[in-house]
Amino acid sequence: MPFQAPQGDLAVLAGSANPQLAKEICRELGMRLTPAETHRFSDGNVFVRALENVRGRDCFIIQGVHQPVNDNFMELLFWIDALKRASAQSVTAVVPYFSYAKGDKKDEPRVSIRARVCADAIEQAGADRCLMMDLHSPQIQGFFQIPVDHLYGRFTLARHIATLKLENLVVCSPDVGFAKGASAFAKLLGVPVVIGNKERVDHSEQAEVLEIIGDVKNKNVVIVDDFTISGGTLISMAELLQSRGAERIFAAVSHAALTPAAVPKIQNSPIEALFTTDTIEPLPLDFPKLVVVSVAEVFAAAIRSIHDRTSVSMLFPEPHPGQGI
């Protein structure tokens, strides 16, 4: 009788949000996607179904929460419920981009903490754990009563940037809020970090960069952030860097949740290239400055670690000071 691991067989399913990433993850795992279907009725209702037996299996449903955000989120909940009702041994919600992570605090009167509401919904649907990449605020993990494994896109992005062999490179955070993330990015590359001072006065998705802390004259600069939507912050930062004497200017974000209007603006900006990952599908094809690097290998390694009950944090070793990647 063949040996069967106590955690059951591994099953990876794809929702409608990230079909290509799911295929790449399975290719890295050396396995096939578990057959599944998603159907949208004419009235907007969503129907999901696993097309083979998942009883007693470790199930991972890959479904990001990007545009259309609410449709994708509801589909995620339905997938979790369907797999639990099909007697899966465990259900892990693999959410490459959790867009509601931006709603992580009550910073105005009479507003919802949207990330907390979504966390409660994911738990109530029956998820046993979550696997996410670059949450807007890492403390969002505390909104969940179930384990949340937090992956980082900066390792993949920094590895790609390192291949460009840019001299006199500095990493730039567009605001104080992402200073810690930028510092970690800079440590991977073994280069200095500078910080922008940004002010956002309303919900128009536009921000004004007021000043830069650090020297960028005659430097090549990579502006880093967790996500971009309108490109406004990246462009404002790039223009200020250019006025301060920076040479070549690049940008790197884990999630490119770009609006159609953002593409020509970035294309006509001082930004030479925008590096991003494949957490969001589809990305604009008519965008020459966009460079996409895949995080399928990272997600595959994390899924394997969760399934094998080994440490996910070991996938992200921090370099020694000055070592870089």
C-alpha atoms as a PDB file:
ATOM      1  CA  MET A   1       0.000   0.000   0.000  1.00  0.00           C
ATOM      2  CA  PRO A   2       1.563   3.366  -0.996  1.00  0.00           C
ATOM      3  CA  PHE A   3       2.510   5.785   1.772  1.00  0.00           C
ATOM      4  CA  GLN A   4       0.102   8.693   2.227  1.00  0.00           C
ATOM      5  CA  ALA A   5       1.160  11.776   4.151  1.00  0.00           C
ATOM      6  CA  PRO A   6      -0.951  12.478   7.268  1.00  0.00           C
ATOM      7  CA  GLN A   7      -1.877  15.901   5.898  1.00  0.00           C
ATOM      8  CA  GLY A   8      -3.559  14.408   2.836  1.00  0.00           C
ATOM      9  CA  ASP A   9      -2.988  15.092  -0.833  1.00  0.00           C
ATOM     10  CA  LEU A  10      -2.292  18.585  -2.128  1.00  0.00           C
ATOM     11  CA  ALA A  11      -4.908  20.274  -4.316  1.00  0.00           C
ATOM     12  CA  VAL A  12      -4.410  23.694  -5.939  1.00  0.00           C
ATOM     13  CA  LEU A  13      -7.429  25.371  -7.542  1.00  0.00           C
ATOM     14  CA  ALA A  14      -7.696  28.592  -9.525  1.00  0.00           C
ATOM     15  CA  GLY A  15     -10.455  31.153  -9.219  1.00  0.00           C
ATOM     16  CA  SER A  16     -11.164  33.523 -12.098  1.00  0.00           C
ATOM     17  CA  ALA A  17      -8.877  36.319 -10.800  1.00  0.00           C
ATOM     18  CA  ASN A  18      -5.426  34.707 -11.261  1.00  0.00           C
ATOM     19  CA  PRO A  19      -5.626  31.843 -13.782  1.00  0.00           C
ATOM     20  CA  GLN A  20      -2.173  32.394 -15.297  1.00  0.00           C
ATOM     21  CA  LEU A  21      -0.403  32.793 -11.959  1.00  0.00           C
ATOM     22  CA  ALA A  22      -2.133  29.627 -10.732  1.00  0.00           C
ATOM     23  CA  LYS A  23      -0.829  27.697 -13.756  1.00  0.00           C
ATOM     24  CA  GLU A  24       2.698  28.981 -13.144  1.00  0.00           C
ATOM     25  CA  ILE A  25       2.506  28.054  -9.454  1.00  0.00           C
ATOM     26  CA  CYS A  26       1.472  24.501 -10.350  1.00  0.00           C
ATOM     27  CA  ARG A  27       4.263  24.306 -12.900  1.00  0.00           C
ATOM     28  CA  GLU A  28       6.731  25.244 -10.148  1.00  0.00           C
ATOM     29  CA  LEU A  29       5.159  22.602  -7.885  1.00  0.00           C
ATOM     30  CA  GLY A  30       5.378  19.974 -10.631  1.00  0.00           C
ATOM     31  CA  MET A  31       1.658  19.198 -10.448  1.00  0.00           C
ATOM     32  CA  ARG A  32      -1.538  19.930 -12.315  1.00  0.00           C
ATOM     33  CA  LEU A  33      -4.267  22.364 -11.346  1.00  0.00           C
ATOM     34  CA  THR A  34      -7.263  20.654  -9.792  1.00  0.00           C
ATOM     35  CA  PRO A  35     -10.102  21.052 -12.333  1.00  0.00           C
ATOM     36  CA  ALA A  36     -12.584  23.758 -11.301  1.00  0.00           C
ATOM     37  CA  GLU A  37     -15.105  26.089 -12.873  1.00  0.00           C
ATOM     38  CA  THR A  38     -16.463  29.561 -12.229  1.00  0.00           C
ATOM     39  CA  HIS A  39     -19.654  30.726 -13.945  1.00  0.00           C
ATOM     40  CA  ARG A  40     -21.248  34.164 -13.867  1.00  0.00           C
ATOM     41  CA  PHE A  41     -24.953  34.272 -14.592  1.00  0.00           C
ATOM     42  CA  SER A  42     -26.592  37.088 -16.529  1.00  0.00           C
ATOM     43  CA  ASP A  43     -27.933  38.627 -13.308  1.00  0.00           C
ATOM     44  CA  GLY A  44     -24.415  38.889 -11.855  1.00  0.00           C
ATOM     45  CA  ASN A  45     -24.566  35.842  -9.567  1.00  0.00           C
ATOM     46  CA  VAL A  46     -21.410  33.727  -9.295  1.00  0.00           C
ATOM     47  CA  PHE A  47     -21.311  29.918  -9.263  1.00  0.00           C
ATOM     48  CA  VAL A  48     -18.165  27.926  -8.385  1.00  0.00           C
ATOM     49  CA  ARG A  49     -17.499  24.185  -8.367  1.00  0.00           C
ATOM     50  CA  ALA A  50     -14.525  21.867  -7.918  1.00  0.00           C
ATOM     51  CA  LEU A  51     -14.646  19.257 -10.671  1.00  0.00           C
ATOM     52  CA  GLU A  52     -12.996  16.425  -8.773  1.00  0.00           C
ATOM     53  CA  ASN A  53     -13.023  14.964  -5.287  1.00  0.00           C
ATOM     54  CA  VAL A  54     -11.204  17.064  -2.661  1.00  0.00           C
ATOM     55  CA  ARG A  55     -12.294  15.111   0.425  1.00  0.00           C
ATOM     56  CA  GLY A  56      -9.480  14.935   2.971  1.00  0.00           C
ATOM     57  CA  ARG A  57      -7.108  17.032   0.846  1.00  0.00           C
ATOM     58  CA  ASP A  58      -5.100  20.169   1.650  1.00  0.00           C
ATOM     59  CA  CYS A  59      -6.779  22.685  -0.680  1.00  0.00           C
ATOM     60  CA  PHE A  60      -5.282  25.989  -1.801  1.00  0.00           C
ATOM     61  CA  ILE A  61      -7.607  28.317  -3.696  1.00  0.00           C
ATOM     62  CA  ILE A  62      -5.753  31.042  -5.613  1.00  0.00           C
ATOM     63  CA  GLN A  63      -7.996  34.086  -5.935  1.00  0.00           C
ATOM     64  CA  GLY A  64      -6.802  37.688  -5.723  1.00  0.00           C
ATOM     65  CA  VAL A  65      -8.974  40.619  -4.684  1.00  0.00           C
ATOM     66  CA  HIS A  66      -8.290  43.094  -7.472  1.00  0.00           C
ATOM     67  CA  GLN A  67     -10.550  44.693 -10.086  1.00  0.00           C
ATOM     68  CA  PRO A  68     -13.457  43.800 -10.154  1.00  0.00           C
ATOM     69  CA  VAL A  69     -12.757  43.871  -6.428  1.00  0.00           C
ATOM     70  CA  ASN A  70     -16.137  42.955  -4.956  1.00  0.00           C
ATOM     71  CA  ASP A  71     -16.873  40.226  -7.520  1.00  0.00           C
ATOM     72  CA  ASN A  72     -13.481  38.661  -6.887  1.00  0.00           C
ATOM     73  CA  PHE A  73     -13.899  38.871  -3.117  1.00  0.00           C
ATOM     74  CA  MET A  74     -17.329  37.226  -3.161  1.00  0.00           C
ATOM     75  CA  GLU A  75     -15.969  34.505  -5.453  1.00  0.00           C
ATOM     76  CA  LEU A  76     -13.187  33.867  -2.926  1.00  0.00           C
ATOM     77  CA  LEU A  77     -15.765  33.379  -0.157  1.00  0.00           C
ATOM     78  CA  PHE A  78     -17.804  30.994  -2.311  1.00  0.00           C
ATOM     79  CA  TRP A  79     -14.685  28.938  -3.111  1.00  0.00           C
ATOM     80  CA  ILE A  80     -13.786  28.627   0.570  1.00  0.00           C
ATOM     81  CA  ASP A  81     -17.345  27.537   1.406  1.00  0.00           C
ATOM     82  CA  ALA A  82     -17.501  25.073  -1.500  1.00  0.00           C
ATOM     83  CA  LEU A  83     -14.250  23.381  -0.508  1.00  0.00           C
ATOM     84  CA  LYS A  84     -15.199  23.141   3.171  1.00  0.00           C
ATOM     85  CA  ARG A  85     -18.571  21.637   2.239  1.00  0.00           C
ATOM     86  CA  ALA A  86     -16.725  19.158   0.000  1.00  0.00           C
ATOM     87  CA  SER A  87     -14.898  17.897   3.117  1.00  0.00           C
ATOM     88  CA  ALA A  88     -11.463  19.296   2.350  1.00  0.00           C
ATOM     89  CA  GLN A  89      -9.097  18.629   5.231  1.00  0.00           C
ATOM     90  CA  SER A  90      -7.931  22.253   5.139  1.00  0.00           C
ATOM     91  CA  VAL A  91      -8.604  25.314   2.987  1.00  0.00           C
ATOM     92  CA  THR A  92      -5.967  27.997   2.478  1.00  0.00           C
ATOM     93  CA  ALA A  93      -7.047  31.230   0.791  1.00  0.00           C
ATOM     94  CA  VAL A  94      -4.146  32.279  -1.441  1.00  0.00           C
ATOM     95  CA  VAL A  95      -4.734  35.985  -2.089  1.00  0.00           C
ATOM     96  CA  PRO A  96      -1.886  37.458  -4.165  1.00  0.00           C
ATOM     97  CA  TYR A  97      -3.293  40.997  -3.858  1.00  0.00           C
ATOM     98  CA  PHE A  98      -5.684  41.882  -1.022  1.00  0.00           C
ATOM     99  CA  SER A  99      -6.853  45.325  -2.133  1.00  0.00           C
ATOM    100  CA  TYR A 100      -9.035  45.995   0.910  1.00  0.00           C
ATOM    101  CA  ALA A 101      -5.846  45.996   2.991  1.00  0.00           C
ATOM    102  CA  LYS A 102      -5.828  49.768   2.357  1.00  0.00           C
ATOM    103  CA  GLY A 103      -8.811  50.040   4.716  1.00  0.00           C
ATOM    104  CA  ASP A 104      -6.773  49.118   7.790  1.00  0.00           C
ATOM    105  CA  LYS A 105      -7.726  51.835  10.277  1.00  0.00           C
ATOM    106  CA  LYS A 106     -10.445  54.201  11.456  1.00  0.00           C
ATOM    107  CA  ASP A 107      -8.724  57.512  10.706  1.00  0.00           C
ATOM    108  CA  GLU A 108     -11.927  59.486  10.046  1.00  0.00           C
ATOM    109  CA  PRO A 109     -15.291  59.629  11.852  1.00  0.00           C
ATOM    110  CA  ARG A 110     -18.002  57.137  10.858  1.00  0.00           C
ATOM    111  CA  VAL A 111     -15.937  54.961   8.509  1.00  0.00           C
ATOM    112  CA  SER A 112     -15.554  51.212   8.231  1.00  0.00           C
ATOM    113  CA  ILE A 113     -12.339  49.321   8.914  1.00  0.00           C
ATOM    114  CA  ARG A 114     -12.822  47.416   5.669  1.00  0.00           C
ATOM    115  CA  ALA A 115      -9.854  45.084   6.012  1.00  0.00           C
ATOM    116  CA  ARG A 116     -11.222  43.830   9.342  1.00  0.00           C
ATOM    117  CA  VAL A 117     -14.678  43.209   7.844  1.00  0.00           C
ATOM    118  CA  CYS A 118     -13.090  41.191   5.009  1.00  0.00           C
ATOM    119  CA  ALA A 119     -10.962  39.228   7.474  1.00  0.00           C
ATOM    120  CA  ASP A 120     -14.071  38.292   9.452  1.00  0.00           C
ATOM    121  CA  ALA A 121     -15.848  37.214   6.252  1.00  0.00           C
ATOM    122  CA  ILE A 122     -12.943  34.996   5.140  1.00  0.00           C
ATOM    123  CA  GLU A 123     -12.883  33.316   8.540  1.00  0.00           C
ATOM    124  CA  GLN A 124     -16.661  32.831   8.663  1.00  0.00           C
ATOM    125  CA  ALA A 125     -16.622  31.281   5.192  1.00  0.00           C
ATOM    126  CA  GLY A 126     -14.381  28.576   6.650  1.00  0.00           C
ATOM    127  CA  ALA A 127     -10.768  29.338   5.663  1.00  0.00           C
ATOM    128  CA  ASP A 128      -8.187  27.629   7.857  1.00  0.00           C
ATOM    129  CA  ARG A 129      -5.386  30.018   6.915  1.00  0.00           C
ATOM    130  CA  CYS A 130      -4.442  32.738   4.431  1.00  0.00           C
ATOM    131  CA  LEU A 131      -1.422  33.236   2.201  1.00  0.00           C
ATOM    132  CA  MET A 132      -0.956  36.829   1.027  1.00  0.00           C
ATOM    133  CA  MET A 133       1.727  39.034  -0.505  1.00  0.00           C
ATOM    134  CA  ASP A 134       2.743  42.518   0.642  1.00  0.00           C
ATOM    135  CA  LEU A 135      -0.206  43.608   2.708  1.00  0.00           C
ATOM    136  CA  HIS A 136      -0.483  47.392   2.888  1.00  0.00           C
ATOM    137  CA  SER A 137       0.175  47.109   6.622  1.00  0.00           C
ATOM    138  CA  PRO A 138       1.683  43.914   8.089  1.00  0.00           C
ATOM    139  CA  GLN A 139      -0.391  44.354  11.258  1.00  0.00           C
ATOM    140  CA  ILE A 140      -3.472  43.382   9.217  1.00  0.00           C
ATOM    141  CA  GLN A 141      -2.420  39.822  10.014  1.00  0.00           C
ATOM    142  CA  GLY A 142      -3.743  40.577  13.493  1.00  0.00           C
ATOM    143  CA  PHE A 143      -7.247  41.160  12.112  1.00  0.00           C
ATOM    144  CA  PHE A 144      -7.473  37.405  11.527  1.00  0.00           C
ATOM    145  CA  GLN A 145      -7.966  34.711  14.165  1.00  0.00           C
ATOM    146  CA  ILE A 146      -6.504  32.175  11.716  1.00  0.00           C
ATOM    147  CA  PRO A 147      -2.827  31.997  10.644  1.00  0.00           C
ATOM    148  CA  VAL A 148      -1.750  34.413   7.907  1.00  0.00           C
ATOM    149  CA  ASP A 149       1.485  33.776   6.017  1.00  0.00           C
ATOM    150  CA  HIS A 150       2.818  37.071   4.653  1.00  0.00           C
ATOM    151  CA  LEU A 151       5.025  36.886   1.548  1.00  0.00           C
ATOM    152  CA  TYR A 152       7.247  39.656   0.187  1.00  0.00           C
ATOM    153  CA  GLY A 153       7.630  40.655  -3.444  1.00  0.00           C
ATOM    154  CA  ARG A 154      10.780  42.652  -2.762  1.00  0.00           C
ATOM    155  CA  PHE A 155      13.003  39.559  -2.898  1.00  0.00           C
ATOM    156  CA  THR A 156      11.933  38.782  -6.470  1.00  0.00           C
ATOM    157  CA  LEU A 157      11.983  42.438  -7.562  1.00  0.00           C
ATOM    158  CA  ALA A 158      15.378  43.135  -5.966  1.00  0.00           C
ATOM    159  CA  ARG A 159      16.839  40.039  -7.598  1.00  0.00           C
ATOM    160  CA  HIS A 160      15.711  41.322 -11.006  1.00  0.00           C
ATOM    161  CA  ILE A 161      16.997  44.854 -10.371  1.00  0.00           C
ATOM    162  CA  ALA A 162      20.357  43.458  -9.270  1.00  0.00           C
ATOM    163  CA  THR A 163      20.775  41.897 -12.730  1.00  0.00           C
ATOM    164  CA  LEU A 164      20.734  45.403 -14.261  1.00  0.00           C
ATOM    165  CA  LYS A 165      23.993  46.206 -12.452  1.00  0.00           C
ATOM    166  CA  LEU A 166      23.092  49.861 -11.914  1.00  0.00           C
ATOM    167  CA  GLU A 167      25.928  51.906 -10.447  1.00  0.00           C
ATOM    168  CA  ASN A 168      25.459  54.613  -7.786  1.00  0.00           C
ATOM    169  CA  LEU A 169      22.065  53.148  -6.965  1.00  0.00           C
ATOM    170  CA  VAL A 170      19.815  54.321  -4.135  1.00  0.00           C
ATOM    171  CA  VAL A 171      16.376  53.097  -3.106  1.00  0.00           C
ATOM    172  CA  CYS A 172      13.697  55.724  -2.477  1.00  0.00           C
ATOM    173  CA  SER A 173      10.561  55.445  -0.369  1.00  0.00           C
ATOM    174  CA  PRO A 174       7.831  57.859  -1.558  1.00  0.00           C
ATOM    175  CA  ASP A 175       6.734  58.485   2.030  1.00  0.00           C
ATOM    176  CA  VAL A 176       7.626  57.863   5.653  1.00  0.00           C
ATOM    177  CA  GLY A 177       4.972  55.145   5.882  1.00  0.00           C
ATOM    178  CA  PHE A 178       6.888  52.835   3.538  1.00  0.00           C
ATOM    179  CA  ALA A 179      10.316  53.737   4.932  1.00  0.00           C
ATOM    180  CA  LYS A 180      10.735  50.376   6.675  1.00  0.00           C
ATOM    181  CA  GLY A 181       9.834  48.468   3.504  1.00  0.00           C
ATOM    182  CA  ALA A 182      12.212  50.616   1.445  1.00  0.00           C
ATOM    183  CA  SER A 183      14.976  50.047   3.976  1.00  0.00           C
ATOM    184  CA  ALA A 184      14.486  46.280   3.686  1.00  0.00           C
ATOM    185  CA  PHE A 185      14.545  46.591  -0.114  1.00  0.00           C
ATOM    186  CA  ALA A 186      17.760  48.635   0.032  1.00  0.00           C
ATOM    187  CA  LYS A 187      19.351  46.087   2.361  1.00  0.00           C
ATOM    188  CA  LEU A 188      18.700  43.348  -0.190  1.00  0.00           C
ATOM    189  CA  LEU A 189      20.492  45.380  -2.843  1.00  0.00           C
ATOM    190  CA  GLY A 190      23.203  46.579  -0.464  1.00  0.00           C
ATOM    191  CA  VAL A 191      22.572  50.253  -1.290  1.00  0.00           C
ATOM    192  CA  PRO A 192      21.515  53.425   0.618  1.00  0.00           C
ATOM    193  CA  VAL A 193      17.913  54.546   1.093  1.00  0.00           C
ATOM    194  CA  VAL A 194      16.299  58.003   0.808  1.00  0.00           C
ATOM    195  CA  ILE A 195      12.797  58.968   1.946  1.00  0.00           C
ATOM    196  CA  GLY A 196      10.159  61.255   0.479  1.00  0.00           C
ATOM    197  CA  ASN A 197       7.697  63.310   2.474  1.00  0.00           C
ATOM    198  CA  LYS A 198       4.201  62.879   1.023  1.00  0.00           C
ATOM    199  CA  GLU A 199       0.916  64.559   1.909  1.00  0.00           C
ATOM    200  CA  ARG A 200      -2.498  63.161   0.947  1.00  0.00           C
ATOM    201  CA  VAL A 201      -5.390  65.525   1.695  1.00  0.00           C
ATOM    202  CA  ASP A 202      -8.429  63.599   0.353  1.00  0.00           C
ATOM    203  CA  HIS A 203      -9.582  60.370  -1.349  1.00  0.00           C
ATOM    204  CA  SER A 204      -8.771  61.479  -4.913  1.00  0.00           C
ATOM    205  CA  GLU A 205      -5.845  58.985  -5.059  1.00  0.00           C
ATOM    206  CA  GLN A 206      -3.525  61.939  -5.686  1.00  0.00           C
ATOM    207  CA  ALA A 207      -0.685  62.893  -3.349  1.00  0.00           C
ATOM    208  CA  GLU A 208       1.899  65.651  -3.319  1.00  0.00           C
ATOM    209  CA  VAL A 209       5.517  64.785  -2.552  1.00  0.00           C
ATOM    210  CA  LEU A 210       6.918  67.720  -0.622  1.00  0.00           C
ATOM    211  CA  GLU A 211      10.594  66.935  -0.005  1.00  0.00           C
ATOM    212  CA  ILE A 212      13.314  64.258  -0.076  1.00  0.00           C
ATOM    213  CA  ILE A 213      15.403  63.216   2.912  1.00  0.00           C
ATOM    214  CA  GLY A 214      18.775  62.141   1.504  1.00  0.00           C
ATOM    215  CA  ASP A 215      21.118  62.826  -1.403  1.00  0.00           C
ATOM    216  CA  VAL A 216      20.153  61.736  -4.934  1.00  0.00           C
ATOM    217  CA  LYS A 217      22.330  63.995  -7.087  1.00  0.00           C
ATOM    218  CA  ASN A 218      24.068  62.007  -9.869  1.00  0.00           C
ATOM    219  CA  LYS A 219      22.480  58.819  -8.505  1.00  0.00           C
ATOM    220  CA  ASN A 220      20.374  56.150 -10.150  1.00  0.00           C
ATOM    221  CA  VAL A 221      17.167  55.762  -8.132  1.00  0.00           C
ATOM    222  CA  VAL A 222      14.558  53.025  -7.684  1.00  0.00           C
ATOM    223  CA  ILE A 223      11.321  54.278  -6.121  1.00  0.00           C
ATOM    224  CA  VAL A 224       9.700  51.401  -4.225  1.00  0.00           C
ATOM    225  CA  ASP A 225       6.177  50.962  -2.864  1.00  0.00           C
ATOM    226  CA  ASP A 226       3.739  48.160  -2.147  1.00  0.00           C
ATOM    227  CA  PHE A 227       1.224  49.149  -4.843  1.00  0.00           C
ATOM    228  CA  THR A 228       0.223  51.868  -7.274  1.00  0.00           C
ATOM    229  CA  ILE A 229      -3.177  52.727  -8.731  1.00  0.00           C
ATOM    230  CA  SER A 230      -3.062  56.117 -10.438  1.00  0.00           C
ATOM    231  CA  GLY A 231       0.738  56.336 -10.544  1.00  0.00           C
ATOM    232  CA  GLY A 232       0.469  59.832  -9.053  1.00  0.00           C
ATOM    233  CA  THR A 233       2.798  59.264  -6.102  1.00  0.00           C
ATOM    234  CA  LEU A 234       5.456  57.561  -8.237  1.00  0.00           C
ATOM    235  CA  ILE A 235       5.323  60.311 -10.874  1.00  0.00           C
ATOM    236  CA  SER A 236       5.484  63.160  -8.320  1.00  0.00           C
ATOM    237  CA  MET A 237       8.410  61.467  -6.645  1.00  0.00           C
ATOM    238  CA  ALA A 238      10.188  60.912  -9.980  1.00  0.00           C
ATOM    239  CA  GLU A 239       9.760  64.563 -10.987  1.00  0.00           C
ATOM    240  CA  LEU A 240      11.154  65.736  -7.653  1.00  0.00           C
ATOM    241  CA  LEU A 241      14.089  63.305  -7.922  1.00  0.00           C
ATOM    242  CA  GLN A 242      14.817  64.613 -11.417  1.00  0.00           C
ATOM    243  CA  SER A 243      14.796  68.205 -10.150  1.00  0.00           C
ATOM    244  CA  ARG A 244      17.270  67.171  -7.412  1.00  0.00           C
ATOM    245  CA  GLY A 245      19.751  65.882  -9.995  1.00  0.00           C
ATOM    246  CA  ALA A 246      18.981  62.154 -10.099  1.00  0.00           C
ATOM    247  CA  GLU A 247      20.204  60.346 -13.227  1.00  0.00           C
ATOM    248  CA  ARG A 248      18.114  57.296 -14.245  1.00  0.00           C
ATOM    249  CA  ILE A 249      14.844  56.803 -12.339  1.00  0.00           C
ATOM    250  CA  PHE A 250      12.993  53.501 -11.986  1.00  0.00           C
ATOM    251  CA  ALA A 251      10.034  52.343  -9.905  1.00  0.00           C
ATOM    252  CA  ALA A 252       9.196  48.968  -8.363  1.00  0.00           C
ATOM    253  CA  VAL A 253       5.882  47.938  -6.815  1.00  0.00           C
ATOM    254  CA  SER A 254       4.596  44.534  -5.788  1.00  0.00           C
ATOM    255  CA  HIS A 255       1.071  45.216  -7.063  1.00  0.00           C
ATOM    256  CA  ALA A 256       0.315  47.262 -10.209  1.00  0.00           C
ATOM    257  CA  ALA A 257      -3.415  47.933  -9.730  1.00  0.00           C
ATOM    258  CA  LEU A 258      -3.256  50.436 -12.577  1.00  0.00           C
ATOM    259  CA  THR A 259      -6.209  52.406 -13.886  1.00  0.00           C
ATOM    260  CA  PRO A 260      -6.338  52.972 -17.672  1.00  0.00           C
ATOM    261  CA  ALA A 261      -5.531  56.661 -17.124  1.00  0.00           C
ATOM    262  CA  ALA A 262      -2.361  55.801 -15.201  1.00  0.00           C
ATOM    263  CA  VAL A 263      -0.625  54.093 -18.137  1.00  0.00           C
ATOM    264  CA  PRO A 264      -0.031  57.143 -20.398  1.00  0.00           C
ATOM    265  CA  LYS A 265       0.900  59.272 -17.386  1.00  0.00           C
ATOM    266  CA  ILE A 266       3.641  56.878 -16.288  1.00  0.00           C
ATOM    267  CA  GLN A 267       4.676  56.330 -19.902  1.00  0.00           C
ATOM    268  CA  ASN A 268       5.269  60.094 -20.282  1.00  0.00           C
ATOM    269  CA  SER A 269       6.951  60.520 -16.882  1.00  0.00           C
ATOM    270  CA  PRO A 270      10.660  60.531 -15.955  1.00  0.00           C
ATOM    271  CA  ILE A 271      10.270  56.890 -14.822  1.00  0.00           C
ATOM    272  CA  GLU A 272      12.378  54.762 -17.169  1.00  0.00           C
ATOM    273  CA  ALA A 273      10.745  51.434 -16.215  1.00  0.00           C
ATOM    274  CA  LEU A 274       8.117  50.221 -13.752  1.00  0.00           C
ATOM    275  CA  PHE A 275       8.967  46.807 -12.295  1.00  0.00           C
ATOM    276  CA  THR A 276       6.091  44.806 -10.857  1.00  0.00           C
ATOM    277  CA  THR A 277       4.975  41.244 -10.153  1.00  0.00           C
ATOM    278  CA  ASP A 278       2.210  39.106 -11.648  1.00  0.00           C
ATOM    279  CA  THR A 279      -0.093  39.240  -8.604  1.00  0.00           C
ATOM    280  CA  ILE A 280      -2.708  41.121 -10.669  1.00  0.00           C
ATOM    281  CA  GLU A 281      -4.273  39.884 -13.933  1.00  0.00           C
ATOM    282  CA  PRO A 282      -4.560  41.121 -16.577  1.00  0.00           C
ATOM    283  CA  LEU A 283      -1.893  43.808 -16.728  1.00  0.00           C
ATOM    284  CA  PRO A 284      -1.974  46.393 -19.568  1.00  0.00           C
ATOM    285  CA  LEU A 285      -0.283  45.095 -22.713  1.00  0.00           C
ATOM    286  CA  ASP A 286       0.162  48.522 -24.342  1.00  0.00           C
ATOM    287  CA  PHE A 287       2.613  49.709 -21.684  1.00  0.00           C
ATOM    288  CA  PRO A 288       6.254  49.470 -22.879  1.00  0.00           C
ATOM    289  CA  LYS A 289       7.673  50.701 -19.567  1.00  0.00           C
ATOM    290  CA  LEU A 290       6.059  47.886 -17.584  1.00  0.00           C
ATOM    291  CA  VAL A 291       8.405  45.006 -16.680  1.00  0.00           C
ATOM    292  CA  VAL A 292       6.710  42.007 -15.024  1.00  0.00           C
ATOM    293  CA  VAL A 293       8.612  39.445 -12.948  1.00  0.00           C
ATOM    294  CA  SER A 294       6.815  36.363 -11.700  1.00  0.00           C
ATOM    295  CA  VAL A 295       6.322  35.483  -8.040  1.00  0.00           C
ATOM    296  CA  ALA A 296       5.005  32.005  -8.899  1.00  0.00           C
ATOM    297  CA  GLU A 297       8.143  30.412  -7.468  1.00  0.00           C
ATOM    298  CA  VAL A 298       7.652  32.223  -4.146  1.00  0.00           C
ATOM    299  CA  PHE A 299       4.006  31.204  -3.843  1.00  0.00           C
ATOM    300  CA  ALA A 300       4.812  27.624  -4.858  1.00  0.00           C
ATOM    301  CA  ALA A 301       7.518  27.361  -2.207  1.00  0.00           C
ATOM    302  CA  ALA A 302       5.142  28.771   0.433  1.00  0.00           C
ATOM    303  CA  ILE A 303       2.356  26.367  -0.561  1.00  0.00           C
ATOM    304  CA  ARG A 304       4.797  23.455  -0.371  1.00  0.00           C
ATOM    305  CA  SER A 305       5.982  24.609   3.075  1.00  0.00           C
ATOM    306  CA  ILE A 306       2.441  24.937   4.398  1.00  0.00           C
ATOM    307  CA  HIS A 307       1.495  21.526   3.013  1.00  0.00           C
ATOM    308  CA  ASP A 308       4.635  19.903   4.441  1.00  0.00           C
ATOM    309  CA  ARG A 309       4.257  21.741   7.772  1.00  0.00           C
ATOM    310  CA  THR A 310       7.634  23.475   7.501  1.00  0.00           C
ATOM    311  CA  SER A 311       8.594  27.109   8.120  1.00  0.00           C
ATOM    312  CA  VAL A 312       7.434  29.709   5.583  1.00  0.00           C
ATOM    313  CA  SER A 313       9.587  32.433   7.145  1.00  0.00           C
ATOM    314  CA  MET A 314      12.716  30.468   6.199  1.00  0.00           C
ATOM    315  CA  LEU A 315      11.940  31.352   2.566  1.00  0.00           C
ATOM    316  CA  PHE A 316      12.908  34.972   3.302  1.00  0.00           C
ATOM    317  CA  PRO A 317      16.345  35.044   4.935  1.00  0.00           C
ATOM    318  CA  GLU A 318      17.502  38.570   5.720  1.00  0.00           C
ATOM    319  CA  PRO A 319      20.960  39.403   4.352  1.00  0.00           C
ATOM    320  CA  HIS A 320      23.763  40.493   6.637  1.00  0.00           C
ATOM    321  CA  PRO A 321      24.545  44.235   6.561  1.00  0.00           C
ATOM    322  CA  GLY A 322      26.295  45.124   3.304  1.00  0.00           C
ATOM    323  CA  GLN A 323      25.853  41.607   1.941  1.00  0.00           C
ATOM    324  CA  GLY A 324      22.937  42.181  -0.477  1.00  0.00           C
ATOM    325  CA  ILE A 325      21.342  39.374  -2.445  1.00  0.00           C
END
